[in-house]
Amino acid sequence: MCLHLKAMSQKIWGSLEEEFIMLDMKVPTLREEDNLQLNNQGLNVIYEALDPKVFKSIKDLEIASQVWKRPQDAYWDTSIVKEAKLYIFKDKYAKFKMLGVLRVCWRCFVGSMSS
């Protein structure tokens, strides 16, 4: 998604990285009009890419940078939990593998003792 937005326009990507402030919505300056246009383009791209469930969580936002950050904030914890579970699983798997090697070695040892 980042690459897609940057490919469309580096300015659109910039509008997602930093919030802009409009002092007067009724009489915007030329720069504020440009920022508003970039904001709307960024929103359009993000809206087209979102799952309907995620869209429901951001539909109240009007600033592209806020829309960009909310799902990241919501799913950041999820990725940390997944990484932790994966780490625990790998550790348990390594211990299980070692247990299997020890059983094989024990059987070889016991078998050689009876011969």
Foldseek 3Di string as FASTA:
>chain_A
DLVVQVVVDVVLSVQQVDPDDAPDPVDGDPVVVVSLVSQVVLVVVVVVPDDPVLCVVPVVDRRNNVSVVPVCVVCVVVVVVVVVVVVVVVVVVVVVVVVVVVVVVVVVVVVVVVD
